[in-house]
Amino acid sequence: MPVCLAVPGKIIRIDGEMAEVEIGGIRREASLSLIQREGLKEGEYVLIHTGFAIAKIDEGEARSILETWREILAAERAD
């Protein structure tokens, strides 16, 4: 079964169909062409997969996902 790996990114700047997003302190460009852009604002979170925003999520969900990733990475380093 295929697995989709998407990570939360905080929107820093929106420029048409593109956005600058911050993921774990790293800023990248992401396309907004796959999601509804109307009403999307800087400071909100989106799930990023292969350079595309695929869904808008709330800050609480973003923080929960990021914390889970931190736990996974910490467990990997401990082994």
PDB file of N, CA and C in Angstrom:
ATOM      1  N   MET A   1       0.843  -1.164   0.000  1.00  0.00           N
ATOM      2  CA  MET A   1       0.000   0.000   0.000  1.00  0.00           C
ATOM      3  C   MET A   1       0.899   1.242   0.000  1.00  0.00           C
ATOM      4  N   PRO A   2       0.642   2.207  -0.895  1.00  0.00           N
ATOM      5  CA  PRO A   2       1.449   3.432  -0.917  1.00  0.00           C
ATOM      6  C   PRO A   2       1.219   4.263   0.341  1.00  0.00           C
ATOM      7  N   VAL A   3       2.236   4.965   0.737  1.00  0.00           N
ATOM      8  CA  VAL A   3       2.156   5.833   1.905  1.00  0.00           C
ATOM      9  C   VAL A   3       2.440   7.258   1.467  1.00  0.00           C
ATOM     10  N   CYS A   4       1.636   8.181   1.933  1.00  0.00           N
ATOM     11  CA  CYS A   4       1.827   9.598   1.636  1.00  0.00           C
ATOM     12  C   CYS A   4       2.508  10.242   2.832  1.00  0.00           C
ATOM     13  N   LEU A   5       3.648  10.835   2.611  1.00  0.00           N
ATOM     14  CA  LEU A   5       4.352  11.533   3.670  1.00  0.00           C
ATOM     15  C   LEU A   5       4.206  13.025   3.436  1.00  0.00           C
ATOM     16  N   ALA A   6       3.485  13.683   4.292  1.00  0.00           N
ATOM     17  CA  ALA A   6       3.294  15.133   4.201  1.00  0.00           C
ATOM     18  C   ALA A   6       3.690  15.739   5.543  1.00  0.00           C
ATOM     19  N   VAL A   7       4.279  16.911   5.495  1.00  0.00           N
ATOM     20  CA  VAL A   7       4.718  17.585   6.709  1.00  0.00           C
ATOM     21  C   VAL A   7       4.060  18.959   6.803  1.00  0.00           C
ATOM     22  N   PRO A   8       3.787  19.422   8.028  1.00  0.00           N
ATOM     23  CA  PRO A   8       3.178  20.739   8.191  1.00  0.00           C
ATOM     24  C   PRO A   8       4.179  21.855   7.889  1.00  0.00           C
ATOM     25  N   GLY A   9       3.718  22.848   7.177  1.00  0.00           N
ATOM     26  CA  GLY A   9       4.523  24.027   6.916  1.00  0.00           C
ATOM     27  C   GLY A   9       3.724  25.270   7.247  1.00  0.00           C
ATOM     28  N   LYS A  10       4.376  26.225   7.894  1.00  0.00           N
ATOM     29  CA  LYS A  10       3.730  27.495   8.234  1.00  0.00           C
ATOM     30  C   LYS A  10       3.931  28.464   7.070  1.00  0.00           C
ATOM     31  N   ILE A  11       2.846  29.050   6.613  1.00  0.00           N
ATOM     32  CA  ILE A  11       2.926  29.983   5.493  1.00  0.00           C
ATOM     33  C   ILE A  11       3.562  31.292   5.964  1.00  0.00           C
ATOM     34  N   ILE A  12       4.659  31.655   5.314  1.00  0.00           N
ATOM     35  CA  ILE A  12       5.364  32.891   5.627  1.00  0.00           C
ATOM     36  C   ILE A  12       4.937  34.001   4.674  1.00  0.00           C
ATOM     37  N   ARG A  13       4.812  33.648   3.387  1.00  0.00           N
ATOM     38  CA  ARG A  13       4.466  34.641   2.368  1.00  0.00           C
ATOM     39  C   ARG A  13       3.714  33.946   1.253  1.00  0.00           C
ATOM     40  N   ILE A  14       2.698  34.609   0.723  1.00  0.00           N
ATOM     41  CA  ILE A  14       1.931  34.086  -0.414  1.00  0.00           C
ATOM     42  C   ILE A  14       2.151  35.009  -1.597  1.00  0.00           C
ATOM     43  N   ASP A  15       2.467  34.394  -2.741  1.00  0.00           N
ATOM     44  CA  ASP A  15       2.662  35.145  -3.982  1.00  0.00           C
ATOM     45  C   ASP A  15       1.959  34.382  -5.100  1.00  0.00           C
ATOM     46  N   GLY A  16       0.676  34.698  -5.317  1.00  0.00           N
ATOM     47  CA  GLY A  16      -0.106  34.005  -6.342  1.00  0.00           C
ATOM     48  C   GLY A  16      -0.318  32.553  -5.982  1.00  0.00           C
ATOM     49  N   GLU A  17       0.139  31.646  -6.852  1.00  0.00           N
ATOM     50  CA  GLU A  17      -0.012  30.204  -6.608  1.00  0.00           C
ATOM     51  C   GLU A  17       1.140  29.606  -5.810  1.00  0.00           C
ATOM     52  N   MET A  18       2.087  30.431  -5.407  1.00  0.00           N
ATOM     53  CA  MET A  18       3.237  29.943  -4.650  1.00  0.00           C
ATOM     54  C   MET A  18       3.249  30.552  -3.257  1.00  0.00           C
ATOM     55  N   ALA A  19       3.864  29.822  -2.340  1.00  0.00           N
ATOM     56  CA  ALA A  19       4.007  30.322  -0.974  1.00  0.00           C
ATOM     57  C   ALA A  19       5.394  29.965  -0.466  1.00  0.00           C
ATOM     58  N   GLU A  20       5.920  30.831   0.376  1.00  0.00           N
ATOM     59  CA  GLU A  20       7.126  30.494   1.127  1.00  0.00           C
ATOM     60  C   GLU A  20       6.617  29.901   2.433  1.00  0.00           C
ATOM     61  N   VAL A  21       7.059  28.680   2.738  1.00  0.00           N
ATOM     62  CA  VAL A  21       6.624  28.016   3.962  1.00  0.00           C
ATOM     63  C   VAL A  21       7.840  27.657   4.800  1.00  0.00           C
ATOM     64  N   GLU A  22       7.619  27.607   6.100  1.00  0.00           N
ATOM     65  CA  GLU A  22       8.686  27.214   7.013  1.00  0.00           C
ATOM     66  C   GLU A  22       8.361  25.857   7.602  1.00  0.00           C
ATOM     67  N   ILE A  23       9.325  24.954   7.462  1.00  0.00           N
ATOM     68  CA  ILE A  23       9.186  23.587   7.972  1.00  0.00           C
ATOM     69  C   ILE A  23      10.408  23.302   8.833  1.00  0.00           C
ATOM     70  N   GLY A  24      10.210  23.206  10.133  1.00  0.00           N
ATOM     71  CA  GLY A  24      11.322  22.909  11.023  1.00  0.00           C
ATOM     72  C   GLY A  24      12.457  23.923  10.943  1.00  0.00           C
ATOM     73  N   GLY A  25      12.133  25.186  10.771  1.00  0.00           N
ATOM     74  CA  GLY A  25      13.143  26.229  10.707  1.00  0.00           C
ATOM     75  C   GLY A  25      13.743  26.448   9.322  1.00  0.00           C
ATOM     76  N   ILE A  26      13.353  25.633   8.362  1.00  0.00           N
ATOM     77  CA  ILE A  26      13.855  25.753   6.992  1.00  0.00           C
ATOM     78  C   ILE A  26      12.744  26.308   6.118  1.00  0.00           C
ATOM     79  N   ARG A  27      13.098  27.309   5.319  1.00  0.00           N
ATOM     80  CA  ARG A  27      12.110  27.913   4.426  1.00  0.00           C
ATOM     81  C   ARG A  27      12.247  27.352   3.021  1.00  0.00           C
ATOM     82  N   ARG A  28      11.084  27.053   2.423  1.00  0.00           N
ATOM     83  CA  ARG A  28      11.025  26.491   1.071  1.00  0.00           C
ATOM     84  C   ARG A  28       9.851  27.095   0.329  1.00  0.00           C
ATOM     85  N   GLU A  29       9.882  26.973  -0.980  1.00  0.00           N
ATOM     86  CA  GLU A  29       8.753  27.369  -1.813  1.00  0.00           C
ATOM     87  C   GLU A  29       7.823  26.172  -1.960  1.00  0.00           C
ATOM     88  N   ALA A  30       6.535  26.422  -1.961  1.00  0.00           N
ATOM     89  CA  ALA A  30       5.536  25.371  -2.153  1.00  0.00           C
ATOM     90  C   ALA A  30       4.418  25.902  -3.037  1.00  0.00           C
ATOM     91  N   SER A  31       3.930  25.038  -3.896  1.00  0.00           N
ATOM     92  CA  SER A  31       2.815  25.401  -4.766  1.00  0.00           C
ATOM     93  C   SER A  31       1.504  25.293  -4.004  1.00  0.00           C
ATOM     94  N   LEU A  32       0.646  26.272  -4.216  1.00  0.00           N
ATOM     95  CA  LEU A  32      -0.696  26.254  -3.621  1.00  0.00           C
ATOM     96  C   LEU A  32      -1.747  25.850  -4.645  1.00  0.00           C
ATOM     97  N   SER A  33      -1.315  25.361  -5.792  1.00  0.00           N
ATOM     98  CA  SER A  33      -2.230  25.093  -6.904  1.00  0.00           C
ATOM     99  C   SER A  33      -3.210  23.951  -6.644  1.00  0.00           C
ATOM    100  N   LEU A  34      -2.952  23.115  -5.642  1.00  0.00           N
ATOM    101  CA  LEU A  34      -3.834  21.970  -5.386  1.00  0.00           C
ATOM    102  C   LEU A  34      -4.866  22.227  -4.287  1.00  0.00           C
ATOM    103  N   ILE A  35      -4.813  23.392  -3.651  1.00  0.00           N
ATOM    104  CA  ILE A  35      -5.762  23.664  -2.569  1.00  0.00           C
ATOM    105  C   ILE A  35      -6.504  24.973  -2.834  1.00  0.00           C
ATOM    106  N   GLN A  36      -7.586  25.166  -2.112  1.00  0.00           N
ATOM    107  CA  GLN A  36      -8.376  26.397  -2.192  1.00  0.00           C
ATOM    108  C   GLN A  36      -7.546  27.516  -1.571  1.00  0.00           C
ATOM    109  N   ARG A  37      -7.189  28.525  -2.360  1.00  0.00           N
ATOM    110  CA  ARG A  37      -6.350  29.616  -1.860  1.00  0.00           C
ATOM    111  C   ARG A  37      -7.166  30.764  -1.283  1.00  0.00           C
ATOM    112  N   GLU A  38      -8.410  30.858  -1.647  1.00  0.00           N
ATOM    113  CA  GLU A  38      -9.250  31.952  -1.151  1.00  0.00           C
ATOM    114  C   GLU A  38      -9.331  31.884   0.370  1.00  0.00           C
ATOM    115  N   GLY A  39      -8.984  32.967   1.022  1.00  0.00           N
ATOM    116  CA  GLY A  39      -9.031  33.025   2.480  1.00  0.00           C
ATOM    117  C   GLY A  39      -7.782  32.507   3.162  1.00  0.00           C
ATOM    118  N   LEU A  40      -6.856  31.917   2.420  1.00  0.00           N
ATOM    119  CA  LEU A  40      -5.612  31.406   2.996  1.00  0.00           C
ATOM    120  C   LEU A  40      -4.719  32.584   3.363  1.00  0.00           C
ATOM    121  N   LYS A  41      -4.170  32.577   4.585  1.00  0.00           N
ATOM    122  CA  LYS A  41      -3.404  33.719   5.069  1.00  0.00           C
ATOM    123  C   LYS A  41      -2.024  33.316   5.572  1.00  0.00           C
ATOM    124  N   GLU A  42      -1.128  34.296   5.557  1.00  0.00           N
ATOM    125  CA  GLU A  42       0.186  34.101   6.163  1.00  0.00           C
ATOM    126  C   GLU A  42      -0.001  33.770   7.633  1.00  0.00           C
ATOM    127  N   GLY A  43       0.822  32.859   8.143  1.00  0.00           N
ATOM    128  CA  GLY A  43       0.720  32.429   9.532  1.00  0.00           C
ATOM    129  C   GLY A  43      -0.085  31.157   9.705  1.00  0.00           C
ATOM    130  N   GLU A  44      -0.848  30.757   8.675  1.00  0.00           N
ATOM    131  CA  GLU A  44      -1.614  29.507   8.745  1.00  0.00           C
ATOM    132  C   GLU A  44      -0.725  28.334   8.318  1.00  0.00           C
ATOM    133  N   TYR A  45      -1.220  27.129   8.559  1.00  0.00           N
ATOM    134  CA  TYR A  45      -0.457  25.924   8.263  1.00  0.00           C
ATOM    135  C   TYR A  45      -1.093  25.123   7.137  1.00  0.00           C
ATOM    136  N   VAL A  46      -0.235  24.506   6.343  1.00  0.00           N
ATOM    137  CA  VAL A  46      -0.666  23.599   5.285  1.00  0.00           C
ATOM    138  C   VAL A  46       0.192  22.340   5.354  1.00  0.00           C
ATOM    139  N   LEU A  47      -0.352  21.229   4.875  1.00  0.00           N
ATOM    140  CA  LEU A  47       0.436  20.010   4.738  1.00  0.00           C
ATOM    141  C   LEU A  47       1.149  20.063   3.395  1.00  0.00           C
ATOM    142  N   ILE A  48       2.461  19.812   3.401  1.00  0.00           N
ATOM    143  CA  ILE A  48       3.281  19.870   2.202  1.00  0.00           C
ATOM    144  C   ILE A  48       3.716  18.458   1.817  1.00  0.00           C
ATOM    145  N   HIS A  49       3.509  18.118   0.546  1.00  0.00           N
ATOM    146  CA  HIS A  49       3.953  16.830  -0.008  1.00  0.00           C
ATOM    147  C   HIS A  49       4.595  17.109  -1.364  1.00  0.00           C
ATOM    148  N   THR A  50       5.846  16.745  -1.490  1.00  0.00           N
ATOM    149  CA  THR A  50       6.623  16.922  -2.733  1.00  0.00           C
ATOM    150  C   THR A  50       6.502  18.317  -3.328  1.00  0.00           C
ATOM    151  N   GLY A  51       6.551  19.329  -2.469  1.00  0.00           N
ATOM    152  CA  GLY A  51       6.536  20.704  -2.947  1.00  0.00           C
ATOM    153  C   GLY A  51       5.160  21.305  -3.183  1.00  0.00           C
ATOM    154  N   PHE A  52       4.122  20.553  -2.856  1.00  0.00           N
ATOM    155  CA  PHE A  52       2.750  21.037  -3.042  1.00  0.00           C
ATOM    156  C   PHE A  52       2.019  21.056  -1.708  1.00  0.00           C
ATOM    157  N   ALA A  53       1.286  22.136  -1.455  1.00  0.00           N
ATOM    158  CA  ALA A  53       0.370  22.157  -0.318  1.00  0.00           C
ATOM    159  C   ALA A  53      -0.832  21.300  -0.713  1.00  0.00           C
ATOM    160  N   ILE A  54      -1.174  20.325   0.132  1.00  0.00           N
ATOM    161  CA  ILE A  54      -2.282  19.425  -0.216  1.00  0.00           C
ATOM    162  C   ILE A  54      -3.494  19.602   0.686  1.00  0.00           C
ATOM    163  N   ALA A  55      -3.332  20.329   1.803  1.00  0.00           N
ATOM    164  CA  ALA A  55      -4.467  20.572   2.704  1.00  0.00           C
ATOM    165  C   ALA A  55      -4.102  21.664   3.689  1.00  0.00           C
ATOM    166  N   LYS A  56      -5.086  22.431   4.078  1.00  0.00           N
ATOM    167  CA  LYS A  56      -4.911  23.406   5.153  1.00  0.00           C
ATOM    168  C   LYS A  56      -5.212  22.691   6.465  1.00  0.00           C
ATOM    169  N   ILE A  57      -4.400  22.941   7.494  1.00  0.00           N
ATOM    170  CA  ILE A  57      -4.635  22.344   8.810  1.00  0.00           C
ATOM    171  C   ILE A  57      -4.535  23.446   9.860  1.00  0.00           C
ATOM    172  N   ASP A  58      -5.100  23.188  11.031  1.00  0.00           N
ATOM    173  CA  ASP A  58      -5.009  24.196  12.080  1.00  0.00           C
ATOM    174  C   ASP A  58      -3.687  24.054  12.834  1.00  0.00           C
ATOM    175  N   GLU A  59      -3.361  25.084  13.583  1.00  0.00           N
ATOM    176  CA  GLU A  59      -2.073  25.128  14.280  1.00  0.00           C
ATOM    177  C   GLU A  59      -1.910  23.985  15.275  1.00  0.00           C
ATOM    178  N   GLY A  60      -2.978  23.621  15.973  1.00  0.00           N
ATOM    179  CA  GLY A  60      -2.908  22.528  16.939  1.00  0.00           C
ATOM    180  C   GLY A  60      -2.537  21.209  16.274  1.00  0.00           C
ATOM    181  N   GLU A  61      -3.151  20.935  15.139  1.00  0.00           N
ATOM    182  CA  GLU A  61      -2.843  19.706  14.414  1.00  0.00           C
ATOM    183  C   GLU A  61      -1.401  19.735  13.915  1.00  0.00           C
ATOM    184  N   ALA A  62      -0.961  20.895  13.420  1.00  0.00           N
ATOM    185  CA  ALA A  62       0.419  21.035  12.944  1.00  0.00           C
ATOM    186  C   ALA A  62       1.399  20.760  14.076  1.00  0.00           C
ATOM    187  N   ARG A  63       1.150  21.340  15.231  1.00  0.00           N
ATOM    188  CA  ARG A  63       2.052  21.137  16.371  1.00  0.00           C
ATOM    189  C   ARG A  63       2.080  19.669  16.809  1.00  0.00           C
ATOM    190  N   SER A  64       0.927  19.016  16.790  1.00  0.00           N
ATOM    191  CA  SER A  64       0.849  17.608  17.160  1.00  0.00           C
ATOM    192  C   SER A  64       1.668  16.738  16.201  1.00  0.00           C
ATOM    193  N   ILE A  65       1.539  16.996  14.909  1.00  0.00           N
ATOM    194  CA  ILE A  65       2.292  16.233  13.910  1.00  0.00           C
ATOM    195  C   ILE A  65       3.787  16.458  14.084  1.00  0.00           C
ATOM    196  N   LEU A  66       4.190  17.714  14.268  1.00  0.00           N
ATOM    197  CA  LEU A  66       5.609  18.017  14.439  1.00  0.00           C
ATOM    198  C   LEU A  66       6.182  17.367  15.695  1.00  0.00           C
ATOM    199  N   GLU A  67       5.397  17.344  16.777  1.00  0.00           N
ATOM    200  CA  GLU A  67       5.855  16.693  18.006  1.00  0.00           C
ATOM    201  C   GLU A  67       6.032  15.188  17.790  1.00  0.00           C
ATOM    202  N   THR A  68       5.109  14.578  17.066  1.00  0.00           N
ATOM    203  CA  THR A  68       5.242  13.147  16.754  1.00  0.00           C
ATOM    204  C   THR A  68       6.517  12.895  15.967  1.00  0.00           C
ATOM    205  N   TRP A  69       6.826  13.744  14.984  1.00  0.00           N
ATOM    206  CA  TRP A  69       8.073  13.595  14.211  1.00  0.00           C
ATOM    207  C   TRP A  69       9.295  13.733  15.112  1.00  0.00           C
ATOM    208  N   ARG A  70       9.266  14.677  16.065  1.00  0.00           N
ATOM    209  CA  ARG A  70      10.391  14.840  16.997  1.00  0.00           C
ATOM    210  C   ARG A  70      10.593  13.570  17.823  1.00  0.00           C
ATOM    211  N   GLU A  71       9.500  12.966  18.273  1.00  0.00           N
ATOM    212  CA  GLU A  71       9.582  11.729  19.054  1.00  0.00           C
ATOM    213  C   GLU A  71      10.158  10.591  18.228  1.00  0.00           C
ATOM    214  N   ILE A  72       9.729  10.484  16.977  1.00  0.00           N
ATOM    215  CA  ILE A  72      10.250   9.430  16.092  1.00  0.00           C
ATOM    216  C   ILE A  72      11.750   9.609  15.874  1.00  0.00           C
ATOM    217  N   LEU A  73      12.167  10.843  15.590  1.00  0.00           N
ATOM    218  CA  LEU A  73      13.583  11.109  15.353  1.00  0.00           C
ATOM    219  C   LEU A  73      14.417  10.847  16.604  1.00  0.00           C
ATOM    220  N   ALA A  74      13.897  11.213  17.777  1.00  0.00           N
ATOM    221  CA  ALA A  74      14.609  10.963  19.029  1.00  0.00           C
ATOM    222  C   ALA A  74      14.759   9.476  19.267  1.00  0.00           C
ATOM    223  N   ALA A  75      13.716   8.698  18.994  1.00  0.00           N
ATOM    224  CA  ALA A  75      13.790   7.242  19.165  1.00  0.00           C
ATOM    225  C   ALA A  75      14.808   6.626  18.197  1.00  0.00           C
ATOM    226  N   GLU A  76      14.852   7.135  16.973  1.00  0.00           N
ATOM    227  CA  GLU A  76      15.829   6.644  15.987  1.00  0.00           C
ATOM    228  C   GLU A  76      17.260   6.906  16.458  1.00  0.00           C
ATOM    229  N   ARG A  77      17.490   8.084  17.011  1.00  0.00           N
ATOM    230  CA  ARG A  77      18.839   8.439  17.470  1.00  0.00           C
ATOM    231  C   ARG A  77      19.247   7.610  18.690  1.00  0.00           C
ATOM    232  N   ALA A  78      18.267   7.210  19.504  1.00  0.00           N
ATOM    233  CA  ALA A  78      18.554   6.450  20.721  1.00  0.00           C
ATOM    234  C   ALA A  78      18.961   5.012  20.415  1.00  0.00           C
ATOM    235  N   ASP A  79      18.547   4.514  19.259  1.00  0.00           N
ATOM    236  CA  ASP A  79      18.860   3.107  18.896  1.00  0.00           C
ATOM    237  C   ASP A  79      20.268   2.929  18.423  1.00  0.00           C
TER     238      ASP A  79
END
